[in-house]
Amino acid sequence: FMDMLENPPADEAWITDLQGRKTGSLLSAACAMGVAAAGAGEEKTELALRYGAALGAAFQIRDDMLDVLSTEAELGKPIGSDRAEGKRTFVDLLGLEACQALVAEETAKAKAALADLPDSGFLLNLADHLAERRK
């Protein structure tokens, strides 16, 4: 429902909350389910939740950037739809350069959550891939 409000707040805290409830929650849940399926404990579940939340934040900020930077042919969906729908994003608030720094920061947080886990190469590469994606 937050995403459909007319004239939503235009501050960083509101946008962070909105995106955390969407992409961040989805990816955190997926990561936690993987840990649960593997039978890992509470400590690893907490790491998975941190990884998923940071990965989701980086993904969503990058997605907002691509809505400005990409082409419809490259992205496979209409460009500029956030602005046309009146949605506020980090790009509106901070600009592209600061958003790229935020993507790097959130990606680093995601990777740091996995620092003590063996065999995390795939998840580390996934974080990097999503941060640099073009579509």
N, C-alpha and C. Protein backbone atom coordinates (compact mmCIF):
# COMPACT_ATOMS: atom_id res chain seq x y z
N PHE A 1 0.81 -1.19 0.00
CA PHE A 1 0.00 0.00 0.00
C PHE A 1 0.85 1.26 0.00
N MET A 2 2.02 1.22 0.63
CA MET A 2 2.88 2.41 0.69
C MET A 2 3.27 2.87 -0.72
N ASP A 3 3.46 1.89 -1.59
CA ASP A 3 3.91 2.18 -2.95
C ASP A 3 2.82 2.83 -3.80
N MET A 4 1.59 2.81 -3.31
CA MET A 4 0.49 3.36 -4.09
C MET A 4 -0.03 4.69 -3.52
N LEU A 5 0.61 5.21 -2.50
CA LEU A 5 0.18 6.48 -1.92
C LEU A 5 0.41 7.62 -2.89
N GLU A 6 -0.52 8.54 -2.91
CA GLU A 6 -0.31 9.77 -3.67
C GLU A 6 0.45 10.74 -2.78
N ASN A 7 1.40 11.45 -3.36
CA ASN A 7 2.23 12.41 -2.61
C ASN A 7 2.88 11.79 -1.38
N PRO A 8 3.64 10.71 -1.57
CA PRO A 8 4.31 10.09 -0.43
C PRO A 8 5.41 11.01 0.11
N PRO A 9 5.85 10.78 1.33
CA PRO A 9 6.97 11.56 1.86
C PRO A 9 8.19 11.44 0.95
N ALA A 10 9.01 12.43 0.96
CA ALA A 10 10.18 12.43 0.05
C ALA A 10 11.47 12.40 0.85
N ASP A 11 11.49 11.60 1.91
CA ASP A 11 12.73 11.55 2.69
C ASP A 11 13.35 10.16 2.64
N GLU A 12 14.61 10.12 2.98
CA GLU A 12 15.38 8.88 2.88
C GLU A 12 14.83 7.78 3.78
N ALA A 13 14.39 8.14 4.98
CA ALA A 13 13.88 7.13 5.92
C ALA A 13 12.63 6.45 5.35
N TRP A 14 11.74 7.22 4.73
CA TRP A 14 10.51 6.63 4.19
C TRP A 14 10.82 5.71 3.02
N ILE A 15 11.70 6.15 2.13
CA ILE A 15 12.06 5.32 0.97
C ILE A 15 12.78 4.05 1.42
N THR A 16 13.65 4.16 2.42
CA THR A 16 14.34 2.98 2.96
C THR A 16 13.34 1.99 3.55
N ASP A 17 12.37 2.50 4.30
CA ASP A 17 11.34 1.65 4.88
C ASP A 17 10.52 0.96 3.79
N LEU A 18 10.09 1.73 2.80
CA LEU A 18 9.30 1.18 1.70
C LEU A 18 10.06 0.06 0.99
N GLN A 19 11.29 0.33 0.61
CA GLN A 19 12.06 -0.67 -0.13
C GLN A 19 12.40 -1.88 0.73
N GLY A 20 12.61 -1.65 2.02
CA GLY A 20 12.88 -2.77 2.93
C GLY A 20 11.70 -3.70 3.07
N ARG A 21 10.50 -3.14 2.96
CA ARG A 21 9.28 -3.95 3.07
C ARG A 21 8.98 -4.70 1.78
N LYS A 22 9.59 -4.28 0.69
CA LYS A 22 9.36 -4.94 -0.60
C LYS A 22 10.51 -5.90 -0.88
N THR A 23 11.47 -5.45 -1.61
CA THR A 23 12.57 -6.30 -2.06
C THR A 23 13.39 -6.85 -0.89
N GLY A 24 13.65 -6.01 0.10
CA GLY A 24 14.44 -6.47 1.25
C GLY A 24 13.77 -7.62 1.98
N SER A 25 12.47 -7.51 2.22
CA SER A 25 11.74 -8.59 2.90
C SER A 25 11.70 -9.86 2.07
N LEU A 26 11.48 -9.70 0.78
CA LEU A 26 11.41 -10.86 -0.10
C LEU A 26 12.72 -11.63 -0.12
N LEU A 27 13.83 -10.91 -0.29
CA LEU A 27 15.12 -11.59 -0.35
C LEU A 27 15.55 -12.12 1.01
N SER A 28 15.24 -11.40 2.08
CA SER A 28 15.56 -11.89 3.42
C SER A 28 14.83 -13.20 3.70
N ALA A 29 13.55 -13.24 3.36
CA ALA A 29 12.77 -14.46 3.57
C ALA A 29 13.33 -15.63 2.77
N ALA A 30 13.68 -15.38 1.52
CA ALA A 30 14.24 -16.44 0.69
C ALA A 30 15.55 -16.96 1.28
N CYS A 31 16.38 -16.07 1.75
CA CYS A 31 17.66 -16.48 2.34
C CYS A 31 17.43 -17.27 3.63
N ALA A 32 16.50 -16.80 4.46
CA ALA A 32 16.21 -17.49 5.72
C ALA A 32 15.63 -18.89 5.46
N MET A 33 14.80 -19.01 4.43
CA MET A 33 14.23 -20.32 4.10
C MET A 33 15.33 -21.29 3.66
N GLY A 34 16.32 -20.78 2.93
CA GLY A 34 17.43 -21.64 2.53
C GLY A 34 18.21 -22.14 3.73
N VAL A 35 18.43 -21.27 4.69
CA VAL A 35 19.13 -21.65 5.91
C VAL A 35 18.31 -22.68 6.69
N ALA A 36 17.00 -22.43 6.79
CA ALA A 36 16.13 -23.36 7.51
C ALA A 36 16.11 -24.73 6.83
N ALA A 37 16.04 -24.73 5.50
CA ALA A 37 16.03 -26.00 4.76
C ALA A 37 17.32 -26.78 4.96
N ALA A 38 18.41 -26.06 5.18
CA ALA A 38 19.70 -26.72 5.40
C ALA A 38 19.87 -27.16 6.84
N GLY A 39 18.94 -26.75 7.72
CA GLY A 39 19.01 -27.15 9.12
C GLY A 39 20.01 -26.36 9.94
N ALA A 40 20.38 -25.18 9.47
CA ALA A 40 21.33 -24.35 10.20
C ALA A 40 20.61 -23.67 11.36
N GLY A 41 21.37 -23.15 12.27
CA GLY A 41 20.80 -22.57 13.48
C GLY A 41 20.47 -21.09 13.39
N GLU A 42 20.17 -20.55 14.55
CA GLU A 42 19.73 -19.16 14.66
C GLU A 42 20.79 -18.17 14.21
N GLU A 43 22.04 -18.43 14.52
CA GLU A 43 23.13 -17.51 14.15
C GLU A 43 23.23 -17.38 12.62
N LYS A 44 23.17 -18.50 11.94
CA LYS A 44 23.25 -18.46 10.47
C LYS A 44 21.98 -17.86 9.86
N THR A 45 20.86 -18.06 10.53
CA THR A 45 19.62 -17.44 10.06
C THR A 45 19.74 -15.92 10.13
N GLU A 46 20.32 -15.41 11.21
CA GLU A 46 20.51 -13.96 11.35
C GLU A 46 21.44 -13.43 10.26
N LEU A 47 22.49 -14.16 9.95
CA LEU A 47 23.40 -13.76 8.87
C LEU A 47 22.66 -13.74 7.53
N ALA A 48 21.83 -14.76 7.31
CA ALA A 48 21.07 -14.84 6.06
C ALA A 48 20.10 -13.66 5.95
N LEU A 49 19.46 -13.29 7.05
CA LEU A 49 18.54 -12.16 7.04
C LEU A 49 19.27 -10.85 6.74
N ARG A 50 20.45 -10.68 7.33
CA ARG A 50 21.25 -9.47 7.06
C ARG A 50 21.70 -9.43 5.61
N TYR A 51 22.15 -10.57 5.10
CA TYR A 51 22.56 -10.65 3.69
C TYR A 51 21.38 -10.30 2.79
N GLY A 52 20.24 -10.91 3.02
CA GLY A 52 19.07 -10.67 2.19
C GLY A 52 18.59 -9.23 2.22
N ALA A 53 18.60 -8.62 3.40
CA ALA A 53 18.15 -7.22 3.52
C ALA A 53 19.09 -6.28 2.76
N ALA A 54 20.38 -6.48 2.92
CA ALA A 54 21.35 -5.62 2.23
C ALA A 54 21.32 -5.88 0.72
N LEU A 55 21.21 -7.13 0.34
CA LEU A 55 21.12 -7.47 -1.08
C LEU A 55 19.87 -6.85 -1.69
N GLY A 56 18.76 -6.92 -0.97
CA GLY A 56 17.51 -6.33 -1.44
C GLY A 56 17.62 -4.82 -1.60
N ALA A 57 18.28 -4.16 -0.64
CA ALA A 57 18.45 -2.71 -0.73
C ALA A 57 19.29 -2.35 -1.95
N ALA A 58 20.40 -3.05 -2.14
CA ALA A 58 21.26 -2.77 -3.30
C ALA A 58 20.51 -3.04 -4.59
N PHE A 59 19.77 -4.13 -4.65
CA PHE A 59 19.02 -4.49 -5.85
C PHE A 59 18.00 -3.40 -6.19
N GLN A 60 17.25 -2.94 -5.19
CA GLN A 60 16.19 -1.97 -5.44
C GLN A 60 16.75 -0.61 -5.86
N ILE A 61 17.83 -0.19 -5.22
CA ILE A 61 18.44 1.08 -5.60
C ILE A 61 18.96 0.99 -7.03
N ARG A 62 19.61 -0.13 -7.36
CA ARG A 62 20.10 -0.33 -8.73
C ARG A 62 18.93 -0.36 -9.72
N ASP A 63 17.82 -0.98 -9.34
CA ASP A 63 16.64 -1.03 -10.19
C ASP A 63 16.12 0.39 -10.46
N ASP A 64 16.09 1.21 -9.42
CA ASP A 64 15.66 2.60 -9.58
C ASP A 64 16.60 3.36 -10.51
N MET A 65 17.89 3.08 -10.41
CA MET A 65 18.86 3.71 -11.30
C MET A 65 18.63 3.30 -12.74
N LEU A 66 18.39 2.00 -12.96
CA LEU A 66 18.18 1.51 -14.31
C LEU A 66 16.92 2.09 -14.93
N ASP A 67 15.95 2.45 -14.10
CA ASP A 67 14.72 3.08 -14.59
C ASP A 67 15.03 4.44 -15.22
N VAL A 68 16.18 4.99 -14.90
CA VAL A 68 16.61 6.27 -15.45
C VAL A 68 17.68 6.07 -16.53
N LEU A 69 18.59 5.14 -16.31
CA LEU A 69 19.77 4.99 -17.16
C LEU A 69 19.60 4.07 -18.37
N SER A 70 18.73 3.10 -18.26
CA SER A 70 18.65 2.05 -19.26
C SER A 70 17.70 2.42 -20.39
N THR A 71 17.57 1.49 -21.31
CA THR A 71 16.60 1.62 -22.39
C THR A 71 15.55 0.53 -22.23
N GLU A 72 14.40 0.73 -22.83
CA GLU A 72 13.34 -0.27 -22.74
C GLU A 72 13.80 -1.60 -23.36
N ALA A 73 14.53 -1.52 -24.45
CA ALA A 73 15.02 -2.74 -25.11
C ALA A 73 15.99 -3.50 -24.21
N GLU A 74 16.86 -2.77 -23.54
CA GLU A 74 17.86 -3.40 -22.67
C GLU A 74 17.23 -3.96 -21.40
N LEU A 75 16.33 -3.19 -20.80
CA LEU A 75 15.75 -3.56 -19.52
C LEU A 75 14.58 -4.53 -19.65
N GLY A 76 13.89 -4.48 -20.78
CA GLY A 76 12.76 -5.37 -21.00
C GLY A 76 11.47 -4.91 -20.34
N LYS A 77 11.44 -3.66 -19.92
CA LYS A 77 10.23 -3.08 -19.35
C LYS A 77 10.28 -1.58 -19.59
N PRO A 78 9.14 -0.91 -19.45
CA PRO A 78 9.13 0.53 -19.72
C PRO A 78 10.10 1.30 -18.82
N ILE A 79 10.73 2.29 -19.40
CA ILE A 79 11.68 3.14 -18.69
C ILE A 79 10.96 4.40 -18.21
N GLY A 80 11.37 4.89 -17.05
CA GLY A 80 10.77 6.11 -16.53
C GLY A 80 9.43 5.89 -15.86
N SER A 81 9.07 4.63 -15.61
CA SER A 81 7.76 4.34 -15.04
C SER A 81 7.62 4.85 -13.61
N ASP A 82 8.70 4.82 -12.83
CA ASP A 82 8.63 5.33 -11.46
C ASP A 82 8.22 6.81 -11.46
N ARG A 83 8.90 7.58 -12.26
CA ARG A 83 8.61 9.02 -12.32
C ARG A 83 7.21 9.27 -12.87
N ALA A 84 6.82 8.53 -13.90
CA ALA A 84 5.50 8.70 -14.50
C ALA A 84 4.39 8.38 -13.51
N GLU A 85 4.66 7.42 -12.61
CA GLU A 85 3.67 7.03 -11.61
C GLU A 85 3.77 7.86 -10.34
N GLY A 86 4.69 8.83 -10.31
CA GLY A 86 4.85 9.68 -9.14
C GLY A 86 5.55 9.02 -7.97
N LYS A 87 6.25 7.92 -8.22
CA LYS A 87 6.96 7.22 -7.14
C LYS A 87 8.26 7.95 -6.82
N ARG A 88 8.57 8.07 -5.56
CA ARG A 88 9.81 8.69 -5.10
C ARG A 88 10.86 7.59 -4.93
N THR A 89 12.05 7.86 -5.41
CA THR A 89 13.14 6.89 -5.31
C THR A 89 14.39 7.58 -4.78
N PHE A 90 15.39 6.79 -4.47
CA PHE A 90 16.66 7.36 -4.05
C PHE A 90 17.29 8.20 -5.16
N VAL A 91 17.02 7.87 -6.41
CA VAL A 91 17.55 8.66 -7.53
C VAL A 91 17.01 10.08 -7.45
N ASP A 92 15.71 10.21 -7.18
CA ASP A 92 15.12 11.54 -7.04
C ASP A 92 15.75 12.31 -5.88
N LEU A 93 15.98 11.61 -4.80
CA LEU A 93 16.45 12.23 -3.57
C LEU A 93 17.94 12.55 -3.59
N LEU A 94 18.74 11.62 -4.11
CA LEU A 94 20.19 11.72 -3.97
C LEU A 94 20.96 11.89 -5.28
N GLY A 95 20.35 11.49 -6.39
CA GLY A 95 21.06 11.52 -7.66
C GLY A 95 21.77 10.20 -7.93
N LEU A 96 22.19 10.05 -9.18
CA LEU A 96 22.76 8.77 -9.62
C LEU A 96 24.09 8.44 -8.96
N GLU A 97 24.96 9.43 -8.81
CA GLU A 97 26.29 9.16 -8.24
C GLU A 97 26.19 8.68 -6.79
N ALA A 98 25.37 9.35 -6.00
CA ALA A 98 25.19 8.93 -4.61
C ALA A 98 24.50 7.57 -4.54
N CYS A 99 23.60 7.30 -5.47
CA CYS A 99 22.95 5.99 -5.50
C CYS A 99 23.95 4.88 -5.79
N GLN A 100 24.87 5.14 -6.71
CA GLN A 100 25.88 4.13 -7.00
C GLN A 100 26.72 3.84 -5.76
N ALA A 101 27.03 4.88 -4.99
CA ALA A 101 27.76 4.69 -3.74
C ALA A 101 26.94 3.88 -2.74
N LEU A 102 25.63 4.12 -2.68
CA LEU A 102 24.75 3.35 -1.80
C LEU A 102 24.68 1.89 -2.22
N VAL A 103 24.62 1.63 -3.51
CA VAL A 103 24.62 0.25 -4.01
C VAL A 103 25.91 -0.45 -3.56
N ALA A 104 27.03 0.23 -3.70
CA ALA A 104 28.31 -0.35 -3.27
C ALA A 104 28.33 -0.60 -1.76
N GLU A 105 27.79 0.32 -0.99
CA GLU A 105 27.74 0.18 0.46
C GLU A 105 26.86 -1.00 0.88
N GLU A 106 25.67 -1.11 0.30
CA GLU A 106 24.77 -2.21 0.64
C GLU A 106 25.33 -3.55 0.17
N THR A 107 25.99 -3.56 -0.97
CA THR A 107 26.63 -4.79 -1.46
C THR A 107 27.73 -5.22 -0.50
N ALA A 108 28.51 -4.27 -0.02
CA ALA A 108 29.56 -4.59 0.95
C ALA A 108 28.97 -5.14 2.25
N LYS A 109 27.84 -4.59 2.69
CA LYS A 109 27.17 -5.11 3.90
C LYS A 109 26.71 -6.55 3.67
N ALA A 110 26.15 -6.81 2.50
CA ALA A 110 25.69 -8.16 2.20
C ALA A 110 26.86 -9.13 2.23
N LYS A 111 27.94 -8.77 1.59
CA LYS A 111 29.11 -9.64 1.54
C LYS A 111 29.73 -9.82 2.92
N ALA A 112 29.73 -8.77 3.73
CA ALA A 112 30.29 -8.86 5.08
C ALA A 112 29.49 -9.84 5.95
N ALA A 113 28.19 -9.93 5.71
CA ALA A 113 27.36 -10.87 6.48
C ALA A 113 27.79 -12.32 6.25
N LEU A 114 28.44 -12.57 5.12
CA LEU A 114 28.85 -13.93 4.77
C LEU A 114 30.33 -14.20 5.07
N ALA A 115 31.00 -13.24 5.67
CA ALA A 115 32.46 -13.31 5.84
C ALA A 115 32.94 -14.59 6.52
N ASP A 116 32.20 -15.09 7.48
CA ASP A 116 32.65 -16.27 8.23
C ASP A 116 32.05 -17.57 7.75
N LEU A 117 31.33 -17.52 6.64
CA LEU A 117 30.69 -18.73 6.14
C LEU A 117 31.55 -19.39 5.06
N PRO A 118 31.77 -20.68 5.16
CA PRO A 118 32.51 -21.37 4.10
C PRO A 118 31.64 -21.52 2.86
N ASP A 119 32.26 -21.69 1.75
CA ASP A 119 31.56 -21.95 0.49
C ASP A 119 30.50 -20.91 0.15
N SER A 120 30.81 -19.64 0.38
CA SER A 120 29.85 -18.58 0.09
C SER A 120 30.15 -17.88 -1.24
N GLY A 121 31.02 -18.45 -2.04
CA GLY A 121 31.43 -17.83 -3.29
C GLY A 121 30.28 -17.48 -4.21
N PHE A 122 29.31 -18.38 -4.34
CA PHE A 122 28.17 -18.10 -5.21
C PHE A 122 27.41 -16.87 -4.73
N LEU A 123 27.15 -16.80 -3.43
CA LEU A 123 26.39 -15.67 -2.88
C LEU A 123 27.17 -14.36 -2.97
N LEU A 124 28.48 -14.42 -2.81
CA LEU A 124 29.32 -13.22 -2.97
C LEU A 124 29.28 -12.74 -4.42
N ASN A 125 29.39 -13.68 -5.35
CA ASN A 125 29.32 -13.32 -6.77
C ASN A 125 27.94 -12.79 -7.15
N LEU A 126 26.90 -13.36 -6.57
CA LEU A 126 25.54 -12.89 -6.83
C LEU A 126 25.40 -11.42 -6.40
N ALA A 127 25.91 -11.09 -5.24
CA ALA A 127 25.84 -9.71 -4.76
C ALA A 127 26.54 -8.77 -5.73
N ASP A 128 27.72 -9.14 -6.19
CA ASP A 128 28.45 -8.30 -7.15
C ASP A 128 27.69 -8.19 -8.47
N HIS A 129 27.17 -9.31 -8.94
CA HIS A 129 26.43 -9.31 -10.21
C HIS A 129 25.22 -8.39 -10.15
N LEU A 130 24.45 -8.48 -9.09
CA LEU A 130 23.26 -7.65 -8.97
C LEU A 130 23.60 -6.17 -8.86
N ALA A 131 24.72 -5.86 -8.24
CA ALA A 131 25.15 -4.46 -8.09
C ALA A 131 25.57 -3.84 -9.42
N GLU A 132 26.00 -4.68 -10.35
CA GLU A 132 26.49 -4.18 -11.63
C GLU A 132 25.55 -4.47 -12.80
N ARG A 133 24.41 -5.06 -12.50
CA ARG A 133 23.52 -5.48 -13.59
C ARG A 133 23.07 -4.33 -14.46
N ARG A 134 22.78 -4.67 -15.71
CA ARG A 134 22.30 -3.68 -16.69
C ARG A 134 20.83 -3.93 -17.02
N LYS A 135 20.26 -5.01 -16.53
CA LYS A 135 18.84 -5.28 -16.74
C LYS A 135 18.28 -6.03 -15.59
